[in-house]
ModelCIF file with pLDDT and N, C-alpha, C, O atoms, coordinates in Angstrom:
data_MODEL
#
_entry.id   MODEL 
#
_entity.id                         1 
_entity.type                       polymer 
_entity.pdbx_number_of_molecules   1 
#
_entity_poly.entity_id                      1 
_entity_poly.type                           'polypeptide(L)' 
_entity_poly.nstd_linkage                   no 
_entity_poly.nstd_monomer                   no 
_entity_poly.pdbx_seq_one_letter_code       LLHIAIALSLFGSCAIYMAGSFVCAKYYMRERS 
_entity_poly.pdbx_seq_one_letter_code_can   LLHIAIALSLFGSCAIYMAGSFVCAKYYMRERS 
_entity_poly.pdbx_strand_id                 A 
#
loop_
_entity_poly_seq.entity_id 
_entity_poly_seq.num 
_entity_poly_seq.mon_id 
_entity_poly_seq.hetero 
1 1  LEU n 
1 2  LEU n 
1 3  HIS n 
1 4  ILE n 
1 5  ALA n 
1 6  ILE n 
1 7  ALA n 
1 8  LEU n 
1 9  SER n 
1 10 LEU n 
1 11 PHE n 
1 12 GLY n 
1 13 SER n 
1 14 CYS n 
1 15 ALA n 
1 16 ILE n 
1 17 TYR n 
1 18 MET n 
1 19 ALA n 
1 20 GLY n 
1 21 SER n 
1 22 PHE n 
1 23 VAL n 
1 24 CYS n 
1 25 ALA n 
1 26 LYS n 
1 27 TYR n 
1 28 TYR n 
1 29 MET n 
1 30 ARG n 
1 31 GLU n 
1 32 ARG n 
1 33 SER n 
#
_struct_asym.id          A 
_struct_asym.entity_id   1 
#
loop_
_ma_qa_metric.id 
_ma_qa_metric.mode 
_ma_qa_metric.name 
_ma_qa_metric.software_group_id 
_ma_qa_metric.type 
1 global pLDDT . pLDDT 
2 local  pLDDT . pLDDT 
#
_ma_qa_metric_global.metric_id      1 
_ma_qa_metric_global.metric_value   88.30 
_ma_qa_metric_global.model_id       1 
_ma_qa_metric_global.ordinal_id     1 
#
loop_
_ma_qa_metric_local.label_asym_id 
_ma_qa_metric_local.label_comp_id 
_ma_qa_metric_local.label_seq_id 
_ma_qa_metric_local.metric_id 
_ma_qa_metric_local.metric_value 
_ma_qa_metric_local.model_id 
_ma_qa_metric_local.ordinal_id 
A LEU 1  2 91.00 1 1  
A LEU 2  2 91.00 1 2  
A HIS 3  2 90.00 1 3  
A ILE 4  2 90.00 1 4  
A ALA 5  2 92.00 1 5  
A ILE 6  2 92.00 1 6  
A ALA 7  2 90.00 1 7  
A LEU 8  2 91.00 1 8  
A SER 9  2 92.00 1 9  
A LEU 10 2 92.00 1 10 
A PHE 11 2 91.00 1 11 
A GLY 12 2 93.00 1 12 
A SER 13 2 93.00 1 13 
A CYS 14 2 93.00 1 14 
A ALA 15 2 93.00 1 15 
A ILE 16 2 95.00 1 16 
A TYR 17 2 95.00 1 17 
A MET 18 2 94.00 1 18 
A ALA 19 2 94.00 1 19 
A GLY 20 2 94.00 1 20 
A SER 21 2 93.00 1 21 
A PHE 22 2 94.00 1 22 
A VAL 23 2 92.00 1 23 
A CYS 24 2 91.00 1 24 
A ALA 25 2 89.00 1 25 
A LYS 26 2 86.00 1 26 
A TYR 27 2 85.00 1 27 
A TYR 28 2 82.00 1 28 
A MET 29 2 80.00 1 29 
A ARG 30 2 77.00 1 30 
A GLU 31 2 66.00 1 31 
A ARG 32 2 68.00 1 32 
A SER 33 2 65.00 1 33 
#
loop_
_atom_site.group_PDB 
_atom_site.id 
_atom_site.type_symbol 
_atom_site.label_atom_id 
_atom_site.label_alt_id 
_atom_site.label_comp_id 
_atom_site.label_asym_id 
_atom_site.label_entity_id 
_atom_site.label_seq_id 
_atom_site.pdbx_PDB_ins_code 
_atom_site.Cartn_x 
_atom_site.Cartn_y 
_atom_site.Cartn_z 
_atom_site.occupancy 
_atom_site.B_iso_or_equiv 
_atom_site.pdbx_formal_charge 
_atom_site.auth_seq_id 
_atom_site.auth_comp_id 
_atom_site.auth_asym_id 
_atom_site.auth_atom_id 
_atom_site.pdbx_PDB_model_num 
ATOM 1   N N  . LEU A 1 1  ? 18.706  14.659  -7.183 1.00 91.00 ? 1  LEU A N  1 
ATOM 2   C CA . LEU A 1 1  ? 17.368  14.813  -7.566 1.00 91.00 ? 1  LEU A CA 1 
ATOM 3   C C  . LEU A 1 1  ? 16.954  13.259  -7.901 1.00 91.00 ? 1  LEU A C  1 
ATOM 4   O O  . LEU A 1 1  ? 15.778  12.919  -7.769 1.00 91.00 ? 1  LEU A O  1 
ATOM 5   N N  . LEU A 1 2  ? 17.833  12.440  -8.285 1.00 91.00 ? 2  LEU A N  1 
ATOM 6   C CA . LEU A 1 2  ? 17.544  11.063  -8.459 1.00 91.00 ? 2  LEU A CA 1 
ATOM 7   C C  . LEU A 1 2  ? 17.066  10.152  -7.057 1.00 91.00 ? 2  LEU A C  1 
ATOM 8   O O  . LEU A 1 2  ? 16.103  9.405   -6.884 1.00 91.00 ? 2  LEU A O  1 
ATOM 9   N N  . HIS A 1 3  ? 18.037  10.512  -6.272 1.00 90.00 ? 3  HIS A N  1 
ATOM 10  C CA . HIS A 1 3  ? 17.622  9.875   -4.886 1.00 90.00 ? 3  HIS A CA 1 
ATOM 11  C C  . HIS A 1 3  ? 16.305  10.435  -4.282 1.00 90.00 ? 3  HIS A C  1 
ATOM 12  O O  . HIS A 1 3  ? 15.537  9.640   -3.741 1.00 90.00 ? 3  HIS A O  1 
ATOM 13  N N  . ILE A 1 4  ? 16.015  11.681  -4.338 1.00 90.00 ? 4  ILE A N  1 
ATOM 14  C CA . ILE A 1 4  ? 14.812  12.043  -3.927 1.00 90.00 ? 4  ILE A CA 1 
ATOM 15  C C  . ILE A 1 4  ? 13.744  11.569  -4.763 1.00 90.00 ? 4  ILE A C  1 
ATOM 16  O O  . ILE A 1 4  ? 12.739  11.180  -4.168 1.00 90.00 ? 4  ILE A O  1 
ATOM 17  N N  . ALA A 1 5  ? 13.748  11.524  -5.890 1.00 92.00 ? 5  ALA A N  1 
ATOM 18  C CA . ALA A 1 5  ? 12.699  11.106  -6.709 1.00 92.00 ? 5  ALA A CA 1 
ATOM 19  C C  . ALA A 1 5  ? 12.376  9.530   -6.483 1.00 92.00 ? 5  ALA A C  1 
ATOM 20  O O  . ALA A 1 5  ? 11.223  9.099   -6.455 1.00 92.00 ? 5  ALA A O  1 
ATOM 21  N N  . ILE A 1 6  ? 13.591  8.683   -6.316 1.00 92.00 ? 6  ILE A N  1 
ATOM 22  C CA . ILE A 1 6  ? 13.386  7.368   -6.002 1.00 92.00 ? 6  ILE A CA 1 
ATOM 23  C C  . ILE A 1 6  ? 12.570  7.069   -4.560 1.00 92.00 ? 6  ILE A C  1 
ATOM 24  O O  . ILE A 1 6  ? 11.704  6.213   -4.383 1.00 92.00 ? 6  ILE A O  1 
ATOM 25  N N  . ALA A 1 7  ? 13.071  7.972   -3.642 1.00 90.00 ? 7  ALA A N  1 
ATOM 26  C CA . ALA A 1 7  ? 12.616  7.923   -2.248 1.00 90.00 ? 7  ALA A CA 1 
ATOM 27  C C  . ALA A 1 7  ? 11.215  8.139   -2.199 1.00 90.00 ? 7  ALA A C  1 
ATOM 28  O O  . ALA A 1 7  ? 10.435  7.394   -1.604 1.00 90.00 ? 7  ALA A O  1 
ATOM 29  N N  . LEU A 1 8  ? 10.832  9.370   -2.956 1.00 91.00 ? 8  LEU A N  1 
ATOM 30  C CA . LEU A 1 8  ? 9.427   9.608   -2.827 1.00 91.00 ? 8  LEU A CA 1 
ATOM 31  C C  . LEU A 1 8  ? 8.488   8.581   -3.486 1.00 91.00 ? 8  LEU A C  1 
ATOM 32  O O  . LEU A 1 8  ? 7.414   8.246   -2.984 1.00 91.00 ? 8  LEU A O  1 
ATOM 33  N N  . SER A 1 9  ? 8.981   8.100   -4.668 1.00 92.00 ? 9  SER A N  1 
ATOM 34  C CA . SER A 1 9  ? 8.146   6.975   -5.365 1.00 92.00 ? 9  SER A CA 1 
ATOM 35  C C  . SER A 1 9  ? 7.857   5.826   -4.534 1.00 92.00 ? 9  SER A C  1 
ATOM 36  O O  . SER A 1 9  ? 6.757   5.281   -4.441 1.00 92.00 ? 9  SER A O  1 
ATOM 37  N N  . LEU A 1 10 ? 9.078   5.446   -3.848 1.00 92.00 ? 10 LEU A N  1 
ATOM 38  C CA . LEU A 1 10 ? 8.975   4.349   -2.897 1.00 92.00 ? 10 LEU A CA 1 
ATOM 39  C C  . LEU A 1 10 ? 8.260   4.678   -1.816 1.00 92.00 ? 10 LEU A C  1 
ATOM 40  O O  . LEU A 1 10 ? 7.448   3.846   -1.411 1.00 92.00 ? 10 LEU A O  1 
ATOM 41  N N  . PHE A 1 11 ? 8.377   5.762   -1.219 1.00 91.00 ? 11 PHE A N  1 
ATOM 42  C CA . PHE A 1 11 ? 7.517   5.952   0.213  1.00 91.00 ? 11 PHE A CA 1 
ATOM 43  C C  . PHE A 1 11 ? 6.073   6.294   -0.132 1.00 91.00 ? 11 PHE A C  1 
ATOM 44  O O  . PHE A 1 11 ? 5.227   6.199   0.757  1.00 91.00 ? 11 PHE A O  1 
ATOM 45  N N  . GLY A 1 12 ? 5.713   6.705   -1.420 1.00 93.00 ? 12 GLY A N  1 
ATOM 46  C CA . GLY A 1 12 ? 4.176   6.867   -1.807 1.00 93.00 ? 12 GLY A CA 1 
ATOM 47  C C  . GLY A 1 12 ? 3.600   5.529   -2.090 1.00 93.00 ? 12 GLY A C  1 
ATOM 48  O O  . GLY A 1 12 ? 2.517   5.122   -1.671 1.00 93.00 ? 12 GLY A O  1 
ATOM 49  N N  . SER A 1 13 ? 4.449   4.880   -2.854 1.00 93.00 ? 13 SER A N  1 
ATOM 50  C CA . SER A 1 13 ? 3.777   3.715   -3.435 1.00 93.00 ? 13 SER A CA 1 
ATOM 51  C C  . SER A 1 13 ? 3.672   2.502   -2.243 1.00 93.00 ? 13 SER A C  1 
ATOM 52  O O  . SER A 1 13 ? 2.720   1.723   -2.285 1.00 93.00 ? 13 SER A O  1 
ATOM 53  N N  . CYS A 1 14 ? 4.638   2.396   -1.247 1.00 93.00 ? 14 CYS A N  1 
ATOM 54  C CA . CYS A 1 14 ? 4.432   1.759   -0.119 1.00 93.00 ? 14 CYS A CA 1 
ATOM 55  C C  . CYS A 1 14 ? 3.510   1.976   0.801  1.00 93.00 ? 14 CYS A C  1 
ATOM 56  O O  . CYS A 1 14 ? 2.931   1.032   1.341  1.00 93.00 ? 14 CYS A O  1 
ATOM 57  N N  . ALA A 1 15 ? 3.274   3.142   1.075  1.00 93.00 ? 15 ALA A N  1 
ATOM 58  C CA . ALA A 1 15 ? 2.150   3.723   1.989  1.00 93.00 ? 15 ALA A CA 1 
ATOM 59  C C  . ALA A 1 15 ? 0.857   3.544   1.362  1.00 93.00 ? 15 ALA A C  1 
ATOM 60  O O  . ALA A 1 15 ? -0.099  3.250   2.081  1.00 93.00 ? 15 ALA A O  1 
ATOM 61  N N  . ILE A 1 16 ? 0.693   3.695   0.014  1.00 95.00 ? 16 ILE A N  1 
ATOM 62  C CA . ILE A 1 16 ? -0.778  3.322   -0.480 1.00 95.00 ? 16 ILE A CA 1 
ATOM 63  C C  . ILE A 1 16 ? -0.949  2.037   -0.512 1.00 95.00 ? 16 ILE A C  1 
ATOM 64  O O  . ILE A 1 16 ? -2.004  1.615   -0.041 1.00 95.00 ? 16 ILE A O  1 
ATOM 65  N N  . TYR A 1 17 ? 0.077   1.026   -1.095 1.00 95.00 ? 17 TYR A N  1 
ATOM 66  C CA . TYR A 1 17 ? -0.190  -0.315  -1.030 1.00 95.00 ? 17 TYR A CA 1 
ATOM 67  C C  . TYR A 1 17 ? -0.538  -0.944  0.450  1.00 95.00 ? 17 TYR A C  1 
ATOM 68  O O  . TYR A 1 17 ? -1.457  -1.748  0.610  1.00 95.00 ? 17 TYR A O  1 
ATOM 69  N N  . MET A 1 18 ? 0.138   -0.573  1.291  1.00 94.00 ? 18 MET A N  1 
ATOM 70  C CA . MET A 1 18 ? 0.038   -1.133  2.595  1.00 94.00 ? 18 MET A CA 1 
ATOM 71  C C  . MET A 1 18 ? -1.372  -0.879  3.192  1.00 94.00 ? 18 MET A C  1 
ATOM 72  O O  . MET A 1 18 ? -1.935  -1.773  3.823  1.00 94.00 ? 18 MET A O  1 
ATOM 73  N N  . ALA A 1 19 ? -1.952  0.346   2.996  1.00 94.00 ? 19 ALA A N  1 
ATOM 74  C CA . ALA A 1 19 ? -3.231  0.665   3.503  1.00 94.00 ? 19 ALA A CA 1 
ATOM 75  C C  . ALA A 1 19 ? -4.269  0.087   2.572  1.00 94.00 ? 19 ALA A C  1 
ATOM 76  O O  . ALA A 1 19 ? -5.278  -0.443  3.039  1.00 94.00 ? 19 ALA A O  1 
ATOM 77  N N  . GLY A 1 20 ? -4.044  0.175   1.171  1.00 94.00 ? 20 GLY A N  1 
ATOM 78  C CA . GLY A 1 20 ? -4.951  -0.453  0.261  1.00 94.00 ? 20 GLY A CA 1 
ATOM 79  C C  . GLY A 1 20 ? -5.120  -1.931  0.530  1.00 94.00 ? 20 GLY A C  1 
ATOM 80  O O  . GLY A 1 20 ? -6.244  -2.387  0.740  1.00 94.00 ? 20 GLY A O  1 
ATOM 81  N N  . SER A 1 21 ? -4.061  -2.681  0.531  1.00 93.00 ? 21 SER A N  1 
ATOM 82  C CA . SER A 1 21 ? -4.150  -4.130  0.558  1.00 93.00 ? 21 SER A CA 1 
ATOM 83  C C  . SER A 1 21 ? -4.558  -4.634  1.827  1.00 93.00 ? 21 SER A C  1 
ATOM 84  O O  . SER A 1 21 ? -4.968  -5.795  1.862  1.00 93.00 ? 21 SER A O  1 
ATOM 85  N N  . PHE A 1 22 ? -4.510  -3.868  3.025  1.00 94.00 ? 22 PHE A N  1 
ATOM 86  C CA . PHE A 1 22 ? -5.138  -4.176  4.303  1.00 94.00 ? 22 PHE A CA 1 
ATOM 87  C C  . PHE A 1 22 ? -6.639  -4.020  4.081  1.00 94.00 ? 22 PHE A C  1 
ATOM 88  O O  . PHE A 1 22 ? -7.376  -4.895  4.536  1.00 94.00 ? 22 PHE A O  1 
ATOM 89  N N  . VAL A 1 23 ? -7.182  -2.933  3.390  1.00 92.00 ? 23 VAL A N  1 
ATOM 90  C CA . VAL A 1 23 ? -8.613  -2.944  3.266  1.00 92.00 ? 23 VAL A CA 1 
ATOM 91  C C  . VAL A 1 23 ? -9.022  -4.005  2.400  1.00 92.00 ? 23 VAL A C  1 
ATOM 92  O O  . VAL A 1 23 ? -10.153 -4.463  2.560  1.00 92.00 ? 23 VAL A O  1 
ATOM 93  N N  . CYS A 1 24 ? -8.282  -4.467  1.512  1.00 91.00 ? 24 CYS A N  1 
ATOM 94  C CA . CYS A 1 24 ? -8.714  -5.660  0.413  1.00 91.00 ? 24 CYS A CA 1 
ATOM 95  C C  . CYS A 1 24 ? -8.723  -6.874  1.644  1.00 91.00 ? 24 CYS A C  1 
ATOM 96  O O  . CYS A 1 24 ? -9.767  -7.509  1.794  1.00 91.00 ? 24 CYS A O  1 
ATOM 97  N N  . ALA A 1 25 ? -7.796  -7.110  2.325  1.00 89.00 ? 25 ALA A N  1 
ATOM 98  C CA . ALA A 1 25 ? -7.764  -8.153  3.295  1.00 89.00 ? 25 ALA A CA 1 
ATOM 99  C C  . ALA A 1 25 ? -8.996  -8.275  4.318  1.00 89.00 ? 25 ALA A C  1 
ATOM 100 O O  . ALA A 1 25 ? -9.538  -9.346  4.592  1.00 89.00 ? 25 ALA A O  1 
ATOM 101 N N  . LYS A 1 26 ? -9.340  -7.093  4.814  1.00 86.00 ? 26 LYS A N  1 
ATOM 102 C CA . LYS A 1 26 ? -10.473 -7.013  5.632  1.00 86.00 ? 26 LYS A CA 1 
ATOM 103 C C  . LYS A 1 26 ? -11.732 -7.433  4.930  1.00 86.00 ? 26 LYS A C  1 
ATOM 104 O O  . LYS A 1 26 ? -12.476 -8.218  5.516  1.00 86.00 ? 26 LYS A O  1 
ATOM 105 N N  . TYR A 1 27 ? -12.058 -6.974  3.690  1.00 85.00 ? 27 TYR A N  1 
ATOM 106 C CA . TYR A 1 27 ? -12.870 -7.311  2.811  1.00 85.00 ? 27 TYR A CA 1 
ATOM 107 C C  . TYR A 1 27 ? -13.219 -8.913  2.587  1.00 85.00 ? 27 TYR A C  1 
ATOM 108 O O  . TYR A 1 27 ? -14.277 -9.523  2.735  1.00 85.00 ? 27 TYR A O  1 
ATOM 109 N N  . TYR A 1 28 ? -11.954 -9.333  2.186  1.00 82.00 ? 28 TYR A N  1 
ATOM 110 C CA . TYR A 1 28 ? -11.924 -10.751 2.160  1.00 82.00 ? 28 TYR A CA 1 
ATOM 111 C C  . TYR A 1 28 ? -12.120 -11.549 3.332  1.00 82.00 ? 28 TYR A C  1 
ATOM 112 O O  . TYR A 1 28 ? -12.688 -12.633 3.195  1.00 82.00 ? 28 TYR A O  1 
ATOM 113 N N  . MET A 1 29 ? -11.768 -11.209 4.365  1.00 80.00 ? 29 MET A N  1 
ATOM 114 C CA . MET A 1 29 ? -11.994 -11.940 5.708  1.00 80.00 ? 29 MET A CA 1 
ATOM 115 C C  . MET A 1 29 ? -13.567 -11.753 5.911  1.00 80.00 ? 29 MET A C  1 
ATOM 116 O O  . MET A 1 29 ? -14.211 -12.681 6.401  1.00 80.00 ? 29 MET A O  1 
ATOM 117 N N  . ARG A 1 30 ? -14.051 -10.832 5.624  1.00 77.00 ? 30 ARG A N  1 
ATOM 118 C CA . ARG A 1 30 ? -15.513 -10.595 5.962  1.00 77.00 ? 30 ARG A CA 1 
ATOM 119 C C  . ARG A 1 30 ? -16.303 -11.263 5.144  1.00 77.00 ? 30 ARG A C  1 
ATOM 120 O O  . ARG A 1 30 ? -17.465 -11.409 5.525  1.00 77.00 ? 30 ARG A O  1 
ATOM 121 N N  . GLU A 1 31 ? -15.934 -11.801 3.922  1.00 66.00 ? 31 GLU A N  1 
ATOM 122 C CA . GLU A 1 31 ? -16.780 -12.529 3.027  1.00 66.00 ? 31 GLU A CA 1 
ATOM 123 C C  . GLU A 1 31 ? -16.645 -14.085 3.211  1.00 66.00 ? 31 GLU A C  1 
ATOM 124 O O  . GLU A 1 31 ? -17.323 -14.783 2.458  1.00 66.00 ? 31 GLU A O  1 
ATOM 125 N N  . ARG A 1 32 ? -15.864 -14.676 4.108  1.00 68.00 ? 32 ARG A N  1 
ATOM 126 C CA . ARG A 1 32 ? -15.874 -16.070 4.427  1.00 68.00 ? 32 ARG A CA 1 
ATOM 127 C C  . ARG A 1 32 ? -15.521 -16.130 5.890  1.00 68.00 ? 32 ARG A C  1 
ATOM 128 O O  . ARG A 1 32 ? -15.177 -15.241 6.668  1.00 68.00 ? 32 ARG A O  1 
ATOM 129 N N  . SER A 1 33 ? -15.728 -17.611 6.071  1.00 65.00 ? 33 SER A N  1 
ATOM 130 C CA . SER A 1 33 ? -15.729 -17.955 7.635  1.00 65.00 ? 33 SER A CA 1 
ATOM 131 C C  . SER A 1 33 ? -14.296 -17.817 7.945  1.00 65.00 ? 33 SER A C  1 
ATOM 132 O O  . SER A 1 33 ? -13.891 -18.010 9.091  1.00 65.00 ? 33 SER A O  1 
#
C-alpha cells in the first residue's frame, strides 16, 4: 500500500506540474520579446 500511494502521488504531481508549468512558460514567453 505504501509503494502504491507513493507511486500515485508522484505520478499525479509530476503530470500536473509538467503540464501546468509548460502553460506558465508559454504565457511568460508571450508577454516578452
